[in-house]
Structure formats: structure tokens, C-alpha cells
PDB file of N, CA and C in Angstrom:
ATOM      1  N   MET A   1      99.409  -3.185  -1.278  1.00  0.00           N
ATOM      2  CA  MET A   1      99.714  -2.826   0.057  1.00  0.00           C
ATOM      3  C   MET A   1     100.943  -3.602   0.344  1.00  0.00           C
ATOM      4  N   LYS A   2     100.896  -5.046   0.291  1.00  0.00           N
ATOM      5  CA  LYS A   2     101.810  -5.755   0.312  1.00  0.00           C
ATOM      6  C   LYS A   2     103.091  -5.564  -0.142  1.00  0.00           C
ATOM      7  N   LEU A   3     103.180  -4.798  -1.266  1.00  0.00           N
ATOM      8  CA  LEU A   3     104.449  -4.614  -2.095  1.00  0.00           C
ATOM      9  C   LEU A   3     104.947  -3.493  -1.189  1.00  0.00           C
ATOM     10  N   GLN A   4     104.252  -2.407  -0.940  1.00  0.00           N
ATOM     11  CA  GLN A   4     104.636  -1.103  -0.150  1.00  0.00           C
ATOM     12  C   GLN A   4     105.398  -1.599   1.248  1.00  0.00           C
ATOM     13  N   THR A   5     104.681  -2.624   2.009  1.00  0.00           N
ATOM     14  CA  THR A   5     105.152  -3.246   3.314  1.00  0.00           C
ATOM     15  C   THR A   5     106.396  -3.836   2.658  1.00  0.00           C
ATOM     16  N   PHE A   6     106.412  -4.536   1.672  1.00  0.00           N
ATOM     17  CA  PHE A   6     107.596  -5.227   1.607  1.00  0.00           C
ATOM     18  C   PHE A   6     108.957  -4.132   1.248  1.00  0.00           C
ATOM     19  N   ALA A   7     108.543  -3.228   0.556  1.00  0.00           N
ATOM     20  CA  ALA A   7     109.325  -2.327   0.123  1.00  0.00           C
ATOM     21  C   ALA A   7     109.867  -1.554   1.177  1.00  0.00           C
ATOM     22  N   ASN A   8     109.350  -1.398   2.254  1.00  0.00           N
ATOM     23  CA  ASN A   8     109.502  -0.649   3.608  1.00  0.00           C
ATOM     24  C   ASN A   8     110.681  -1.616   4.515  1.00  0.00           C
ATOM     25  N   SER A   9     110.100  -2.834   4.243  1.00  0.00           N
ATOM     26  CA  SER A   9     111.052  -3.667   5.096  1.00  0.00           C
ATOM     27  C   SER A   9     112.383  -3.687   4.675  1.00  0.00           C
ATOM     28  N   ARG A  10     112.289  -3.810   3.243  1.00  0.00           N
ATOM     29  CA  ARG A  10     113.697  -3.900   2.474  1.00  0.00           C
ATOM     30  C   ARG A  10     114.367  -2.733   2.732  1.00  0.00           C
ATOM     31  N   ALA A  11     114.229  -1.533   2.770  1.00  0.00           N
ATOM     32  CA  ALA A  11     114.572  -0.119   2.816  1.00  0.00           C
ATOM     33  C   ALA A  11     114.803   0.195   4.083  1.00  0.00           C
ATOM     34  N   GLY A  12     114.012  -0.219   5.227  1.00  0.00           N
ATOM     35  CA  GLY A  12     114.143   0.030   6.449  1.00  0.00           C
ATOM     36  C   GLY A  12     113.647   1.312   7.008  1.00  0.00           C
ATOM     37  N   SER A  13     112.400   1.651   6.111  1.00  0.00           N
ATOM     38  CA  SER A  13     111.715   2.746   6.470  1.00  0.00           C
ATOM     39  C   SER A  13     110.436   2.302   6.729  1.00  0.00           C
ATOM     40  N   SER A  14     109.702   3.159   7.618  1.00  0.00           N
ATOM     41  CA  SER A  14     108.438   3.169   8.029  1.00  0.00           C
ATOM     42  C   SER A  14     107.640   4.343   7.351  1.00  0.00           C
ATOM     43  N   PRO A  15     106.236   4.191   7.321  1.00  0.00           N
ATOM     44  CA  PRO A  15     105.369   5.068   6.645  1.00  0.00           C
ATOM     45  C   PRO A  15     105.480   6.199   7.376  1.00  0.00           C
ATOM     46  N   LYS A  16     105.636   6.683   8.637  1.00  0.00           N
ATOM     47  CA  LYS A  16     105.771   7.696   9.303  1.00  0.00           C
ATOM     48  C   LYS A  16     107.031   8.535   9.062  1.00  0.00           C
ATOM     49  N   ASN A  17     107.978   7.560   8.844  1.00  0.00           N
ATOM     50  CA  ASN A  17     109.294   8.861   8.387  1.00  0.00           C
ATOM     51  C   ASN A  17     109.701   8.450   6.901  1.00  0.00           C
ATOM     52  N   SER A  18     108.553   8.576   6.056  1.00  0.00           N
ATOM     53  CA  SER A  18     108.651   8.926   4.588  1.00  0.00           C
ATOM     54  C   SER A  18     107.153   9.846   4.266  1.00  0.00           C
ATOM     55  N   SER A  19     107.697  10.347   2.956  1.00  0.00           N
ATOM     56  CA  SER A  19     106.423  11.136   2.318  1.00  0.00           C
ATOM     57  C   SER A  19     106.025  10.210   0.952  1.00  0.00           C
ATOM     58  N   ALA A  20     104.988  10.217   0.918  1.00  0.00           N
ATOM     59  CA  ALA A  20     104.192   9.553  -0.204  1.00  0.00           C
ATOM     60  C   ALA A  20     103.829  10.445  -1.291  1.00  0.00           C
ATOM     61  N   PHE A  21     104.203  10.087  -2.424  1.00  0.00           N
ATOM     62  CA  PHE A  21     103.672  11.243  -3.447  1.00  0.00           C
ATOM     63  C   PHE A  21     103.098  10.200  -4.876  1.00  0.00           C
ATOM     64  N   LEU A  22     102.601  10.891  -5.829  1.00  0.00           N
ATOM     65  CA  LEU A  22     102.186  10.142  -6.977  1.00  0.00           C
ATOM     66  C   LEU A  22     100.857   9.250  -6.632  1.00  0.00           C
ATOM     67  N   LYS A  23     100.105   9.926  -5.770  1.00  0.00           N
ATOM     68  CA  LYS A  23      98.831   9.053  -5.383  1.00  0.00           C
ATOM     69  C   LYS A  23      97.749   9.692  -6.368  1.00  0.00           C
ATOM     70  N   ALA A  24      97.153   9.061  -6.896  1.00  0.00           N
ATOM     71  CA  ALA A  24      95.926   9.327  -7.417  1.00  0.00           C
ATOM     72  C   ALA A  24      95.041   8.089  -7.630  1.00  0.00           C
ATOM     73  N   ALA A  25      93.915   8.435  -7.608  1.00  0.00           N
ATOM     74  CA  ALA A  25      92.746   7.543  -7.864  1.00  0.00           C
ATOM     75  C   ALA A  25      92.686   6.539  -9.263  1.00  0.00           C
ATOM     76  N   THR A  26      93.509   7.012 -10.181  1.00  0.00           N
ATOM     77  CA  THR A  26      93.579   5.966 -11.276  1.00  0.00           C
ATOM     78  C   THR A  26      94.704   5.541 -11.397  1.00  0.00           C
ATOM     79  N   THR A  27      95.458   5.614 -10.280  1.00  0.00           N
ATOM     80  CA  THR A  27      96.728   4.675 -10.467  1.00  0.00           C
ATOM     81  C   THR A  27      97.068   3.977  -9.110  1.00  0.00           C
ATOM     82  N   THR A  28      97.809   2.853  -9.291  1.00  0.00           N
ATOM     83  CA  THR A  28      98.527   2.168  -8.218  1.00  0.00           C
ATOM     84  C   THR A  28      99.808   2.360  -7.814  1.00  0.00           C
ATOM     85  N   LEU A  29     100.271   3.282  -8.413  1.00  0.00           N
ATOM     86  CA  LEU A  29     101.656   3.470  -8.131  1.00  0.00           C
ATOM     87  C   LEU A  29     101.783   4.429  -6.976  1.00  0.00           C
ATOM     88  N   LEU A  30     102.626   3.989  -6.071  1.00  0.00           N
ATOM     89  CA  LEU A  30     103.014   4.841  -4.902  1.00  0.00           C
ATOM     90  C   LEU A  30     104.491   4.495  -4.703  1.00  0.00           C
ATOM     91  N   HIS A  31     105.177   5.981  -4.653  1.00  0.00           N
ATOM     92  CA  HIS A  31     106.602   5.974  -4.173  1.00  0.00           C
ATOM     93  C   HIS A  31     106.729   6.401  -2.965  1.00  0.00           C
ATOM     94  N   THR A  32     107.404   5.874  -2.164  1.00  0.00           N
ATOM     95  CA  THR A  32     108.028   6.386  -1.110  1.00  0.00           C
ATOM     96  C   THR A  32     109.370   6.957  -0.812  1.00  0.00           C
ATOM     97  N   ILE A  33     109.475   8.165  -0.260  1.00  0.00           N
ATOM     98  CA  ILE A  33     111.091   8.890  -0.063  1.00  0.00           C
ATOM     99  C   ILE A  33     111.279   9.005   1.452  1.00  0.00           C
ATOM    100  N   SER A  34     112.225   8.752   2.208  1.00  0.00           N
ATOM    101  CA  SER A  34     112.659   8.685   3.651  1.00  0.00           C
ATOM    102  C   SER A  34     112.741  10.333   3.603  1.00  0.00           C
ATOM    103  N   GLU A  35     112.513  10.763   5.140  1.00  0.00           N
ATOM    104  CA  GLU A  35     112.710  11.987   5.309  1.00  0.00           C
ATOM    105  C   GLU A  35     114.487  12.458   5.191  1.00  0.00           C
ATOM    106  N   SER A  36     115.140  11.778   5.351  1.00  0.00           N
ATOM    107  CA  SER A  36     116.349  12.110   5.205  1.00  0.00           C
ATOM    108  C   SER A  36     116.712  12.165   3.820  1.00  0.00           C
ATOM    109  N   GLU A  37     116.328  11.406   2.919  1.00  0.00           N
ATOM    110  CA  GLU A  37     116.502  11.421   1.723  1.00  0.00           C
ATOM    111  C   GLU A  37     116.095  12.658   1.045  1.00  0.00           C
ATOM    112  N   LYS A  38     114.593  13.118   1.244  1.00  0.00           N
ATOM    113  CA  LYS A  38     113.882  14.309   0.969  1.00  0.00           C
ATOM    114  C   LYS A  38     114.692  15.496   1.329  1.00  0.00           C
ATOM    115  N   SER A  39     115.368  15.566   2.747  1.00  0.00           N
ATOM    116  CA  SER A  39     116.061  16.662   3.253  1.00  0.00           C
ATOM    117  C   SER A  39     117.584  16.816   2.303  1.00  0.00           C
ATOM    118  N   SER A  40     118.152  15.717   2.024  1.00  0.00           N
ATOM    119  CA  SER A  40     119.294  15.743   1.093  1.00  0.00           C
ATOM    120  C   SER A  40     119.018  16.556  -0.156  1.00  0.00           C
ATOM    121  N   TYR A  41     117.777  15.835  -0.752  1.00  0.00           N
ATOM    122  CA  TYR A  41     117.318  16.741  -2.162  1.00  0.00           C
ATOM    123  C   TYR A  41     117.097  18.214  -1.745  1.00  0.00           C
ATOM    124  N   VAL A  42     116.187  18.493  -1.066  1.00  0.00           N
ATOM    125  CA  VAL A  42     116.003  19.892  -0.968  1.00  0.00           C
ATOM    126  C   VAL A  42     117.165  20.760  -0.482  1.00  0.00           C
ATOM    127  N   THR A  43     118.481  20.321   0.266  1.00  0.00           N
ATOM    128  CA  THR A  43     119.255  20.778   0.829  1.00  0.00           C
ATOM    129  C   THR A  43     120.083  21.040  -0.575  1.00  0.00           C
ATOM    130  N   HIS A  44     120.247  20.081  -1.618  1.00  0.00           N
ATOM    131  CA  HIS A  44     121.073  20.341  -2.839  1.00  0.00           C
ATOM    132  C   HIS A  44     120.256  21.287  -3.555  1.00  0.00           C
ATOM    133  N   ILE A  45     119.206  21.084  -3.673  1.00  0.00           N
ATOM    134  CA  ILE A  45     118.423  22.127  -4.500  1.00  0.00           C
ATOM    135  C   ILE A  45     118.311  23.662  -4.111  1.00  0.00           C
ATOM    136  N   ASN A  46     118.149  23.849  -2.669  1.00  0.00           N
ATOM    137  CA  ASN A  46     118.354  25.354  -2.218  1.00  0.00           C
ATOM    138  C   ASN A  46     119.799  25.750  -2.585  1.00  0.00           C
ATOM    139  N   HIS A  47     120.783  25.092  -2.361  1.00  0.00           N
ATOM    140  CA  HIS A  47     122.282  25.505  -2.622  1.00  0.00           C
ATOM    141  C   HIS A  47     122.052  25.778  -4.141  1.00  0.00           C
ATOM    142  N   TYR A  48     121.802  24.701  -4.836  1.00  0.00           N
ATOM    143  CA  TYR A  48     122.381  24.639  -6.199  1.00  0.00           C
ATOM    144  C   TYR A  48     121.486  25.855  -7.175  1.00  0.00           C
ATOM    145  N   LEU A  49     120.434  26.080  -6.787  1.00  0.00           N
ATOM    146  CA  LEU A  49     119.334  27.050  -7.529  1.00  0.00           C
ATOM    147  C   LEU A  49     119.343  28.361  -6.701  1.00  0.00           C
ATOM    148  N   SER A  50     119.968  28.417  -5.735  1.00  0.00           N
ATOM    149  CA  SER A  50     119.942  29.712  -4.730  1.00  0.00           C
ATOM    150  C   SER A  50     119.921  31.117  -5.504  1.00  0.00           C
ATOM    151  N   GLN A  51     120.689  31.049  -6.533  1.00  0.00           N
ATOM    152  CA  GLN A  51     120.931  32.477  -7.130  1.00  0.00           C
ATOM    153  C   GLN A  51     119.797  32.720  -8.594  1.00  0.00           C
ATOM    154  N   ASP A  52     119.461  31.744  -8.629  1.00  0.00           N
ATOM    155  CA  ASP A  52     118.253  31.804 -10.241  1.00  0.00           C
ATOM    156  C   ASP A  52     117.291  32.992  -9.688  1.00  0.00           C
ATOM    157  N   GLN A  53     117.109  33.767 -10.468  1.00  0.00           N
ATOM    158  CA  GLN A  53     116.240  34.937 -10.219  1.00  0.00           C
ATOM    159  C   GLN A  53     114.674  34.709 -10.111  1.00  0.00           C
ATOM    160  N   PHE A  54     114.279  33.504 -11.301  1.00  0.00           N
ATOM    161  CA  PHE A  54     113.079  33.117 -11.409  1.00  0.00           C
ATOM    162  C   PHE A  54     112.643  32.466  -9.795  1.00  0.00           C
ATOM    163  N   LEU A  55     113.182  31.413  -9.613  1.00  0.00           N
ATOM    164  CA  LEU A  55     113.044  30.743  -8.528  1.00  0.00           C
ATOM    165  C   LEU A  55     113.187  31.286  -6.954  1.00  0.00           C
ATOM    166  N   LYS A  56     113.914  32.576  -7.082  1.00  0.00           N
ATOM    167  CA  LYS A  56     113.948  32.998  -5.631  1.00  0.00           C
ATOM    168  C   LYS A  56     112.851  33.228  -4.735  1.00  0.00           C
ATOM    169  N   LYS A  57     111.583  33.374  -5.699  1.00  0.00           N
ATOM    170  CA  LYS A  57     110.228  33.458  -4.845  1.00  0.00           C
ATOM    171  C   LYS A  57     110.023  31.907  -4.190  1.00  0.00           C
ATOM    172  N   TYR A  58     110.467  30.863  -4.658  1.00  0.00           N
ATOM    173  CA  TYR A  58     109.974  29.602  -4.174  1.00  0.00           C
ATOM    174  C   TYR A  58     111.039  29.065  -3.357  1.00  0.00           C
ATOM    175  N   LEU A  59     112.441  29.647  -3.324  1.00  0.00           N
ATOM    176  CA  LEU A  59     113.416  28.879  -2.384  1.00  0.00           C
ATOM    177  C   LEU A  59     113.827  30.057  -1.523  1.00  0.00           C
ATOM    178  N   PRO A  60     114.303  29.529  -0.214  1.00  0.00           N
ATOM    179  CA  PRO A  60     114.474  28.200  -0.115  1.00  0.00           C
ATOM    180  C   PRO A  60     113.167  27.320   0.281  1.00  0.00           C
ATOM    181  N   ILE A  61     113.336  25.980   0.212  1.00  0.00           N
ATOM    182  CA  ILE A  61     112.470  25.311   0.260  1.00  0.00           C
ATOM    183  C   ILE A  61     112.605  24.669   1.919  1.00  0.00           C
ATOM    184  N   ASP A  62     111.753  24.340   2.427  1.00  0.00           N
ATOM    185  CA  ASP A  62     111.793  24.046   4.048  1.00  0.00           C
ATOM    186  C   ASP A  62     111.790  22.223   3.862  1.00  0.00           C
ATOM    187  N   PRO A  63     112.819  21.668   4.254  1.00  0.00           N
ATOM    188  CA  PRO A  63     112.958  20.016   4.327  1.00  0.00           C
ATOM    189  C   PRO A  63     112.205  19.590   5.075  1.00  0.00           C
ATOM    190  N   SER A  64     111.583  20.275   6.171  1.00  0.00           N
ATOM    191  CA  SER A  64     110.665  19.777   7.222  1.00  0.00           C
ATOM    192  C   SER A  64     109.382  19.485   6.558  1.00  0.00           C
ATOM    193  N   THR A  65     108.944  20.162   5.439  1.00  0.00           N
ATOM    194  CA  THR A  65     107.816  19.883   5.003  1.00  0.00           C
ATOM    195  C   THR A  65     107.482  19.131   3.579  1.00  0.00           C
ATOM    196  N   ASN A  66     106.198  18.961   2.869  1.00  0.00           N
ATOM    197  CA  ASN A  66     106.313  18.579   1.718  1.00  0.00           C
ATOM    198  C   ASN A  66     106.336  19.193   0.752  1.00  0.00           C
ATOM    199  N   GLU A  67     106.669  20.384   0.827  1.00  0.00           N
ATOM    200  CA  GLU A  67     106.818  21.796  -0.111  1.00  0.00           C
ATOM    201  C   GLU A  67     107.585  21.456  -1.448  1.00  0.00           C
ATOM    202  N   LEU A  68     108.521  20.625  -1.379  1.00  0.00           N
ATOM    203  CA  LEU A  68     109.408  20.148  -2.288  1.00  0.00           C
ATOM    204  C   LEU A  68     108.692  19.543  -3.440  1.00  0.00           C
ATOM    205  N   PHE A  69     107.442  18.832  -3.122  1.00  0.00           N
ATOM    206  CA  PHE A  69     106.315  17.867  -3.837  1.00  0.00           C
ATOM    207  C   PHE A  69     105.421  19.177  -4.686  1.00  0.00           C
ATOM    208  N   GLU A  70     105.115  19.988  -3.676  1.00  0.00           N
ATOM    209  CA  GLU A  70     104.001  21.034  -4.025  1.00  0.00           C
ATOM    210  C   GLU A  70     104.722  21.705  -5.132  1.00  0.00           C
ATOM    211  N   ILE A  71     105.844  22.441  -5.191  1.00  0.00           N
ATOM    212  CA  ILE A  71     106.599  22.970  -6.203  1.00  0.00           C
ATOM    213  C   ILE A  71     106.782  22.264  -7.352  1.00  0.00           C
ATOM    214  N   ALA A  72     107.088  20.855  -7.346  1.00  0.00           N
ATOM    215  CA  ALA A  72     107.747  20.167  -8.347  1.00  0.00           C
ATOM    216  C   ALA A  72     106.203  19.751  -9.042  1.00  0.00           C
ATOM    217  N   LYS A  73     105.522  20.097  -8.783  1.00  0.00           N
ATOM    218  CA  LYS A  73     103.999  19.325  -9.703  1.00  0.00           C
ATOM    219  C   LYS A  73     104.081  19.984 -10.816  1.00  0.00           C
ATOM    220  N   ASP A  74     104.270  21.151 -11.089  1.00  0.00           N
ATOM    221  CA  ASP A  74     104.386  21.849 -12.509  1.00  0.00           C
ATOM    222  C   ASP A  74     105.584  21.683 -13.298  1.00  0.00           C
ATOM    223  N   GLY A  75     106.699  20.954 -12.826  1.00  0.00           N
ATOM    224  CA  GLY A  75     107.678  20.728 -13.588  1.00  0.00           C
ATOM    225  C   GLY A  75     108.633  21.716 -14.074  1.00  0.00           C
ATOM    226  N   VAL A  76     108.383  23.186 -13.347  1.00  0.00           N
ATOM    227  CA  VAL A  76     108.957  24.172 -13.652  1.00  0.00           C
ATOM    228  C   VAL A  76     110.426  23.890 -12.753  1.00  0.00           C
ATOM    229  N   LEU A  77     110.483  23.641 -11.619  1.00  0.00           N
ATOM    230  CA  LEU A  77     111.712  23.441 -10.485  1.00  0.00           C
ATOM    231  C   LEU A  77     112.545  22.394 -11.229  1.00  0.00           C
ATOM    232  N   LEU A  78     112.055  21.517 -11.724  1.00  0.00           N
ATOM    233  CA  LEU A  78     112.742  20.402 -12.384  1.00  0.00           C
ATOM    234  C   LEU A  78     113.247  20.762 -13.864  1.00  0.00           C
ATOM    235  N   TRP A  79     112.814  21.409 -14.511  1.00  0.00           N
ATOM    236  CA  TRP A  79     113.464  22.054 -15.789  1.00  0.00           C
ATOM    237  C   TRP A  79     114.544  23.081 -15.463  1.00  0.00           C
ATOM    238  N   TYR A  80     114.244  23.859 -14.458  1.00  0.00           N
ATOM    239  CA  TYR A  80     115.127  24.881 -13.944  1.00  0.00           C
ATOM    240  C   TYR A  80     116.786  23.898 -13.592  1.00  0.00           C
ATOM    241  N   TYR A  81     116.297  22.877 -12.750  1.00  0.00           N
ATOM    242  CA  TYR A  81     117.431  22.145 -12.222  1.00  0.00           C
ATOM    243  C   TYR A  81     118.165  21.742 -13.384  1.00  0.00           C
ATOM    244  N   ARG A  82     117.436  21.019 -14.403  1.00  0.00           N
ATOM    245  CA  ARG A  82     117.993  20.067 -15.342  1.00  0.00           C
ATOM    246  C   ARG A  82     118.890  21.081 -16.297  1.00  0.00           C
ATOM    247  N   PHE A  83     118.232  22.436 -16.714  1.00  0.00           N
ATOM    248  CA  PHE A  83     118.906  23.321 -17.576  1.00  0.00           C
ATOM    249  C   PHE A  83     119.724  24.318 -16.929  1.00  0.00           C
ATOM    250  N   SER A  84     120.034  24.499 -15.572  1.00  0.00           N
ATOM    251  CA  SER A  84     120.766  25.549 -15.219  1.00  0.00           C
ATOM    252  C   SER A  84     122.048  25.350 -15.242  1.00  0.00           C
ATOM    253  N   SER A  85     122.486  24.138 -15.620  1.00  0.00           N
ATOM    254  CA  SER A  85     124.126  24.114 -15.654  1.00  0.00           C
ATOM    255  C   SER A  85     124.494  23.993 -17.316  1.00  0.00           C
ATOM    256  N   ILE A  86     123.503  24.425 -18.173  1.00  0.00           N
ATOM    257  CA  ILE A  86     123.826  24.334 -19.554  1.00  0.00           C
ATOM    258  C   ILE A  86     124.296  26.115 -19.639  1.00  0.00           C
TER     259      ILE A  86
END
């Protein structure tokens, strides 16, 4: 917890302005992302993958929610993002 507080003070973020993911009972890893950073990722993904026929049922992602993390859990979104430019 001290490390998270240190990271937040260095990054200028607070827990209420960030989303935490990678939480599990078997790990001590916690990564935070600011709301503005998450919004930027979501905006880019929505634009970049908007014409993909498979992902149309998942897009657009609402940047004000944690939907991005739910959709990314199975890796399909990341796979499409990586290989859509090939």
C-alpha cells in the first residue's frame, strides 16, 4: 500500500480519479490508470477498430466506465488491436 501511495504522489493521481485492475487474491500487483489516460485509450480504440465487423458488438466503449477492462479480459480486443493493421 505504501508503494501505491508513493506512485500516486509521483503521478499526481488519486484513487478516486483512477481505475485499478489486475487485482487478485494471489497477487500483490496493482496497476492504476488515470481517468484521462483511460479515456484516451478508449477514444483511440473506438476510432481505430470502429470498422471491424467482429468487434462492432463491443464498440463503442464508454470511456466513463470500466467496460474497457471487462472487454479486454479475454484478450480478443488486444489481439484485434495488434493484428488489425497487418
